[in-house]
Amino acid sequence: MGQVLWRLPPRQQQQLQEELADHLGGGRREQGRDGGAQRRAPQHCYGPDIYHLLRTRRGGKEQHGFIDLEMLPPELGITILSYLNATDLCLAGCVWQDLGNDEYLWQGLCKSTWGHCSIYNRRLPAGFSYRRLYLQLDEGSLTFNANPQEGISYFMSKGILVDHPTELAKFIFYTRRLNWKMLRIYLDERRDVLDELVTLHNFSNQFLPNALRDFFRHIHAPEERGEYLETLITKFSHRFCTCNPGLVRELGLSPDAVYVLCYSLILLSIDLTSPHVKNKMSKREFIRNTRRAAHNVSDDFVGHLYDNIYLIGHVAA
């Protein structure tokens, strides 16, 4: 999950290294020139063994069962807790209060799961809690997955999002918790948000089928052909040409030609991957059929399109 930004202070790191070095070295002391006992200089310890570290902190006693996170360096304990979900973290906070309530941990969880929220860019009020924000984001995502409009309204009521197409598009683009079916319903109703969402994609130097896969990974294609699918392909075609002006000039492409190629790729994907199609389309047939609709595209380019689908698979899976 989130990457923990917190680190141990240098003095605490040195103390921990000296403590470990003393115990691993048996607490040996060296004889000084004046005959007095001198403390052996601690050796730098990079990445100490966790087993020895725990024994050191317990005075060399063995302990069976689960590791007590409070016996570990706080940085390591926070990293372990970052793999838990919100419910488990709340339960962990009852046992390891200092770690389970660490604000850096909850901040990392918020920004790794919901990469963009309007509230991130505002001055946070006194008493603000990323733990509470995480629970609100989780609740809002569950609401969105049941009713998209109510979910967005919930985020706005909590001050997490502002009602602006760009902000809503960034939230959708960088969030992994939204149900794709509900997202499709929402984008079909909010075409202004869909326009901004398309502009967030960068297809520079991408091969056309790979760019189309990347596009449908964020904006899932409908299951049936219709007006919404045509809108998606139209917007993708214009964005692809905008991101690749050199390729457009070199191959003589245009948004209309890319539109035709995208439909050809979708049909070819269905033909090659569907178990119900017995007679698969050959490469020669695909080139012939595509060249009838896109005259300016070379046979070699269309052939590479076929190879990509044949080797990698469906563009909208």
Protein backbone atom coordinates (compact mmCIF):
# COMPACT_ATOMS: atom_id res chain seq x y z
CA MET A 1 0.00 0.00 0.00
CA GLY A 2 1.23 3.43 0.99
CA GLN A 3 4.87 4.28 1.25
CA VAL A 4 5.67 5.42 4.79
CA LEU A 5 7.57 8.71 4.75
CA TRP A 6 8.55 8.68 8.44
CA ARG A 7 12.08 7.78 9.47
CA LEU A 8 13.80 7.28 12.81
CA PRO A 9 15.75 10.31 14.10
CA PRO A 10 19.54 9.96 13.69
CA ARG A 11 20.14 9.89 17.45
CA GLN A 12 17.62 7.06 17.91
CA GLN A 13 19.18 5.15 15.00
CA GLN A 14 22.62 5.44 16.63
CA GLN A 15 21.26 4.35 20.00
CA LEU A 16 19.61 1.33 18.44
CA GLN A 17 22.80 0.37 16.59
CA GLU A 18 24.92 0.71 19.73
CA GLU A 19 22.41 -1.34 21.72
CA LEU A 20 22.44 -4.12 19.16
CA ALA A 21 26.23 -4.03 18.74
CA ASP A 22 26.75 -4.34 22.50
CA HIS A 23 24.54 -7.40 22.81
CA LEU A 24 25.72 -9.13 19.66
CA GLY A 25 29.34 -8.44 20.63
CA GLY A 26 28.82 -9.85 24.12
CA GLY A 27 29.41 -6.47 25.73
CA ARG A 28 33.17 -6.80 25.29
CA ARG A 29 35.42 -3.98 26.41
CA GLU A 30 38.90 -3.20 25.22
CA GLN A 31 41.92 -2.26 27.33
CA GLY A 32 43.10 1.28 26.89
CA ARG A 33 46.66 2.53 26.91
CA ASP A 34 46.33 3.67 30.52
CA GLY A 35 45.15 0.21 31.59
CA GLY A 36 41.53 1.30 32.06
CA ALA A 37 38.65 -0.45 30.46
CA GLN A 38 37.24 1.35 27.47
CA ARG A 39 33.92 0.75 25.82
CA ARG A 40 34.29 -0.88 22.45
CA ALA A 41 33.29 1.44 19.64
CA PRO A 42 30.02 0.29 18.18
CA GLN A 43 30.17 -1.01 14.66
CA HIS A 44 27.70 0.39 12.21
CA CYS A 45 24.81 -1.99 11.65
CA TYR A 46 22.94 -1.80 8.42
CA GLY A 47 19.77 -3.88 8.25
CA PRO A 48 20.12 -5.78 11.59
CA ASP A 49 18.62 -9.22 11.82
CA ILE A 50 15.11 -8.90 13.27
CA TYR A 51 15.45 -12.04 15.39
CA HIS A 52 18.56 -10.71 17.16
CA LEU A 53 17.01 -7.27 17.46
CA LEU A 54 13.93 -8.64 19.24
CA ARG A 55 16.06 -10.78 21.57
CA THR A 56 18.15 -7.71 22.34
CA ARG A 57 15.13 -5.67 23.33
CA ARG A 58 13.72 -8.52 25.44
CA GLY A 59 17.01 -9.06 27.26
CA GLY A 60 17.84 -12.23 25.34
CA LYS A 61 14.64 -14.05 26.28
CA GLU A 62 12.85 -16.30 23.82
CA GLN A 63 9.23 -15.54 22.95
CA HIS A 64 6.86 -17.72 20.98
CA GLY A 65 3.83 -16.66 18.94
CA PHE A 66 3.23 -13.42 17.04
CA ILE A 67 5.76 -10.60 17.10
CA ASP A 68 4.90 -7.63 19.31
CA LEU A 69 5.13 -4.67 16.92
CA GLU A 70 6.10 -2.37 19.74
CA MET A 71 9.33 -4.35 20.07
CA LEU A 72 10.28 -3.45 16.49
CA PRO A 73 11.64 -0.10 15.31
CA PRO A 74 8.60 2.15 14.76
CA GLU A 75 9.44 2.54 11.07
CA LEU A 76 9.21 -1.22 10.52
CA GLY A 77 6.04 -1.52 12.60
CA ILE A 78 4.32 1.20 10.56
CA THR A 79 5.34 -0.50 7.31
CA ILE A 80 3.77 -3.76 8.50
CA LEU A 81 0.54 -2.01 9.49
CA SER A 82 0.35 -0.27 6.10
CA TYR A 83 -0.72 -3.59 4.53
CA LEU A 84 -3.93 -3.72 6.59
CA ASN A 85 -7.29 -2.36 5.50
CA ALA A 86 -9.24 0.28 7.40
CA THR A 87 -11.15 -2.17 9.63
CA ASP A 88 -8.05 -4.14 10.61
CA LEU A 89 -6.13 -0.94 11.22
CA CYS A 90 -8.78 0.30 13.64
CA LEU A 91 -8.54 -3.00 15.50
CA ALA A 92 -4.74 -2.83 15.46
CA GLY A 93 -4.93 0.69 16.86
CA CYS A 94 -6.58 -0.72 19.97
CA VAL A 95 -3.55 -2.93 20.59
CA TRP A 96 -0.68 -0.82 19.24
CA GLN A 97 -2.06 2.66 19.84
CA ASP A 98 1.05 4.62 18.92
CA LEU A 99 1.46 2.79 15.61
CA GLY A 100 -2.20 2.27 14.68
CA ASN A 101 -2.92 5.99 15.13
CA ASP A 102 0.19 7.26 13.38
CA GLU A 103 -0.83 10.08 11.03
CA TYR A 104 1.95 9.36 8.52
CA LEU A 105 0.60 5.84 8.13
CA TRP A 106 -2.95 7.03 7.43
CA GLN A 107 -1.70 9.76 5.13
CA GLY A 108 0.18 7.18 3.06
CA LEU A 109 -2.90 4.95 2.91
CA CYS A 110 -5.11 7.83 1.77
CA LYS A 111 -2.81 9.01 -1.00
CA SER A 112 -1.92 5.55 -2.27
CA THR A 113 -5.57 4.49 -2.60
CA TRP A 114 -7.14 7.84 -3.53
CA GLY A 115 -4.30 9.54 -5.33
CA HIS A 116 -6.05 12.88 -5.80
CA CYS A 117 -8.55 14.69 -3.60
CA SER A 118 -9.29 18.40 -3.53
CA ILE A 119 -8.66 18.45 0.21
CA TYR A 120 -5.02 17.47 -0.33
CA ASN A 121 -4.31 20.86 -1.90
CA ARG A 122 -5.95 22.97 0.80
CA ARG A 123 -4.62 24.21 4.11
CA LEU A 124 -5.65 21.57 6.61
CA PRO A 125 -7.59 22.84 9.64
CA ALA A 126 -6.43 22.39 13.19
CA GLY A 127 -7.23 18.95 14.53
CA PHE A 128 -7.38 17.41 11.05
CA SER A 129 -6.99 13.62 11.07
CA TYR A 130 -5.93 11.49 8.11
CA ARG A 131 -7.36 8.52 9.95
CA ARG A 132 -10.81 10.12 9.90
CA LEU A 133 -10.28 11.15 6.25
CA TYR A 134 -9.44 7.55 5.31
CA LEU A 135 -12.65 6.29 6.89
CA GLN A 136 -14.64 8.98 5.06
CA LEU A 137 -13.01 8.11 1.74
CA ASP A 138 -13.76 4.45 2.33
CA GLU A 139 -17.39 5.23 3.18
CA GLY A 140 -17.75 7.50 0.15
CA SER A 141 -16.33 4.87 -2.20
CA LEU A 142 -18.78 2.26 -0.91
CA THR A 143 -21.61 4.77 -1.41
CA PHE A 144 -20.41 5.53 -4.95
CA ASN A 145 -20.35 1.83 -5.80
CA ALA A 146 -24.03 1.64 -4.84
CA ASN A 147 -25.14 5.02 -6.24
CA PRO A 148 -22.60 7.22 -8.09
CA GLN A 149 -24.45 10.51 -7.58
CA GLU A 150 -24.87 9.92 -3.86
CA GLY A 151 -21.22 8.96 -3.55
CA ILE A 152 -19.99 12.17 -5.20
CA SER A 153 -22.43 14.19 -3.09
CA TYR A 154 -21.02 12.55 0.02
CA PHE A 155 -17.46 13.51 -0.92
CA MET A 156 -18.54 17.11 -1.53
CA SER A 157 -20.47 17.32 1.74
CA LYS A 158 -17.31 16.31 3.64
CA GLY A 159 -15.18 18.85 1.77
CA ILE A 160 -13.12 16.11 0.15
CA LEU A 161 -14.00 17.10 -3.44
CA VAL A 162 -15.16 20.27 -5.17
CA ASP A 163 -17.74 20.21 -7.95
CA HIS A 164 -15.42 20.92 -10.86
CA PRO A 165 -14.96 18.59 -13.87
CA THR A 166 -11.17 18.65 -13.64
CA GLU A 167 -11.13 17.81 -9.93
CA LEU A 168 -13.67 15.02 -10.37
CA ALA A 169 -11.75 13.60 -13.34
CA LYS A 170 -8.46 13.54 -11.39
CA PHE A 171 -10.18 11.85 -8.46
CA ILE A 172 -11.54 9.12 -10.75
CA PHE A 173 -8.26 8.71 -12.64
CA TYR A 174 -6.14 8.19 -9.52
CA THR A 175 -8.63 6.11 -7.49
CA ARG A 176 -8.67 2.30 -7.41
CA ARG A 177 -11.77 1.73 -5.28
CA LEU A 178 -14.56 2.71 -7.70
CA ASN A 179 -16.74 0.05 -9.31
CA TRP A 180 -16.25 0.20 -13.07
CA LYS A 181 -19.93 -0.40 -13.86
CA MET A 182 -21.05 2.47 -11.64
CA LEU A 183 -18.24 4.60 -13.01
CA ARG A 184 -19.48 3.95 -16.54
CA ILE A 185 -22.97 5.08 -15.55
CA TYR A 186 -21.59 8.24 -13.96
CA LEU A 187 -19.38 9.17 -16.93
CA ASP A 188 -22.23 8.56 -19.34
CA GLU A 189 -24.21 11.20 -17.42
CA ARG A 190 -21.31 13.61 -16.85
CA ARG A 191 -19.74 14.07 -20.28
CA ASP A 192 -17.86 17.14 -19.03
CA VAL A 193 -16.03 14.93 -16.52
CA LEU A 194 -15.42 12.36 -19.26
CA ASP A 195 -13.78 15.02 -21.45
CA GLU A 196 -11.39 15.98 -18.67
CA LEU A 197 -10.69 12.33 -17.88
CA VAL A 198 -9.63 11.67 -21.47
CA THR A 199 -7.17 14.57 -21.42
CA LEU A 200 -5.39 13.04 -18.41
CA HIS A 201 -4.19 10.16 -20.58
CA ASN A 202 -0.81 10.47 -22.25
CA PHE A 203 -0.49 8.20 -25.28
CA SER A 204 2.81 9.60 -26.53
CA ASN A 205 5.00 6.99 -28.27
CA GLN A 206 2.52 4.19 -27.56
CA PHE A 207 1.53 1.62 -30.13
CA LEU A 208 -2.14 2.02 -30.97
CA PRO A 209 -3.44 -1.27 -29.45
CA ASN A 210 -1.45 -0.70 -26.24
CA ALA A 211 -2.78 2.85 -25.95
CA LEU A 212 -6.33 1.55 -26.43
CA ARG A 213 -5.79 -1.04 -23.68
CA ASP A 214 -4.51 1.67 -21.36
CA PHE A 215 -7.55 3.80 -22.16
CA PHE A 216 -10.05 1.03 -21.49
CA ARG A 217 -8.21 0.13 -18.28
CA HIS A 218 -9.33 3.47 -16.82
CA ILE A 219 -12.57 3.94 -18.73
CA HIS A 220 -14.15 0.54 -19.21
CA ALA A 221 -15.82 -0.15 -22.52
CA PRO A 222 -19.55 -0.97 -22.51
CA GLU A 223 -20.53 -4.55 -23.12
CA GLU A 224 -22.60 -3.69 -26.19
CA ARG A 225 -22.02 -1.40 -29.11
CA GLY A 226 -23.89 1.86 -28.83
CA GLU A 227 -23.64 5.63 -28.62
CA TYR A 228 -21.47 5.58 -25.51
CA LEU A 229 -18.86 3.29 -27.11
CA GLU A 230 -18.78 5.49 -30.20
CA THR A 231 -18.23 8.52 -27.98
CA LEU A 232 -15.36 6.84 -26.18
CA ILE A 233 -13.60 5.80 -29.39
CA THR A 234 -14.10 9.24 -30.92
CA LYS A 235 -12.54 10.95 -27.89
CA PHE A 236 -9.72 8.42 -27.80
CA SER A 237 -8.96 8.91 -31.49
CA HIS A 238 -8.60 12.68 -31.13
CA ARG A 239 -6.49 12.33 -27.99
CA PHE A 240 -4.20 9.73 -29.60
CA CYS A 241 -3.55 12.00 -32.58
CA THR A 242 -2.91 14.97 -30.28
CA CYS A 243 -0.33 12.99 -28.31
CA ASN A 244 1.43 11.64 -31.42
CA PRO A 245 1.71 14.42 -34.03
CA GLY A 246 4.88 12.94 -35.53
CA LEU A 247 3.30 9.52 -36.00
CA VAL A 248 0.23 11.13 -37.53
CA ARG A 249 2.39 12.89 -40.13
CA GLU A 250 4.58 9.85 -40.81
CA LEU A 251 1.75 7.35 -41.30
CA GLY A 252 -0.82 9.75 -42.67
CA LEU A 253 -3.23 9.09 -39.81
CA SER A 254 -6.21 11.20 -38.83
CA PRO A 255 -8.79 10.96 -36.05
CA ASP A 256 -11.18 9.34 -38.52
CA ALA A 257 -8.57 6.76 -39.56
CA VAL A 258 -7.74 5.97 -35.91
CA TYR A 259 -11.47 5.62 -35.23
CA VAL A 260 -11.74 2.98 -37.97
CA LEU A 261 -8.64 1.16 -36.75
CA CYS A 262 -9.98 1.05 -33.19
CA TYR A 263 -13.19 -0.62 -34.32
CA SER A 264 -11.17 -3.06 -36.41
CA LEU A 265 -9.05 -3.91 -33.35
CA ILE A 266 -12.12 -4.48 -31.19
CA LEU A 267 -13.71 -6.77 -33.79
CA LEU A 268 -10.43 -8.64 -34.27
CA SER A 269 -10.09 -9.04 -30.49
CA ILE A 270 -13.51 -10.62 -30.29
CA ASP A 271 -12.79 -12.86 -33.27
CA LEU A 272 -9.47 -14.17 -31.95
CA THR A 273 -10.43 -14.56 -28.27
CA SER A 274 -14.02 -15.78 -28.45
CA PRO A 275 -14.44 -19.56 -28.11
CA HIS A 276 -17.66 -19.33 -30.14
CA VAL A 277 -15.81 -18.23 -33.29
CA LYS A 278 -14.48 -21.36 -34.95
CA ASN A 279 -12.98 -19.90 -38.10
CA LYS A 280 -10.54 -17.26 -36.89
CA MET A 281 -9.71 -14.28 -39.05
CA SER A 282 -6.34 -14.61 -40.73
CA LYS A 283 -3.77 -11.86 -40.92
CA ARG A 284 -4.29 -11.49 -44.66
CA GLU A 285 -8.07 -11.13 -44.21
CA PHE A 286 -7.61 -8.51 -41.48
CA ILE A 287 -5.27 -6.46 -43.65
CA ARG A 288 -7.64 -6.64 -46.61
CA ASN A 289 -10.73 -5.69 -44.59
CA THR A 290 -9.00 -2.85 -42.74
CA ARG A 291 -7.44 -1.36 -45.87
CA ARG A 292 -10.87 -1.09 -47.44
CA ALA A 293 -11.92 1.34 -44.70
CA ALA A 294 -8.56 3.05 -44.01
CA HIS A 295 -6.93 3.60 -47.38
CA ASN A 296 -3.93 5.66 -46.23
CA VAL A 297 -2.65 3.05 -43.77
CA SER A 298 0.12 0.75 -44.96
CA ASP A 299 -0.14 -3.03 -45.03
CA ASP A 300 2.86 -3.35 -42.70
CA PHE A 301 1.26 -1.15 -40.04
CA VAL A 302 -2.02 -3.07 -40.18
CA GLY A 303 -0.06 -6.32 -40.02
CA HIS A 304 1.66 -5.18 -36.83
CA LEU A 305 -1.77 -4.42 -35.37
CA TYR A 306 -2.85 -7.98 -36.04
CA ASP A 307 0.32 -9.39 -34.47
CA ASN A 308 -0.24 -7.36 -31.32
CA ILE A 309 -3.77 -8.68 -30.80
CA TYR A 310 -2.71 -12.23 -31.64
CA LEU A 311 0.17 -12.19 -29.12
CA ILE A 312 -1.15 -9.98 -26.30
CA GLY A 313 -4.93 -10.37 -26.48
CA HIS A 314 -8.12 -8.32 -26.30
CA VAL A 315 -7.81 -4.53 -26.28
CA ALA A 316 -10.84 -4.09 -24.01
CA ALA A 317 -10.61 -7.12 -21.72
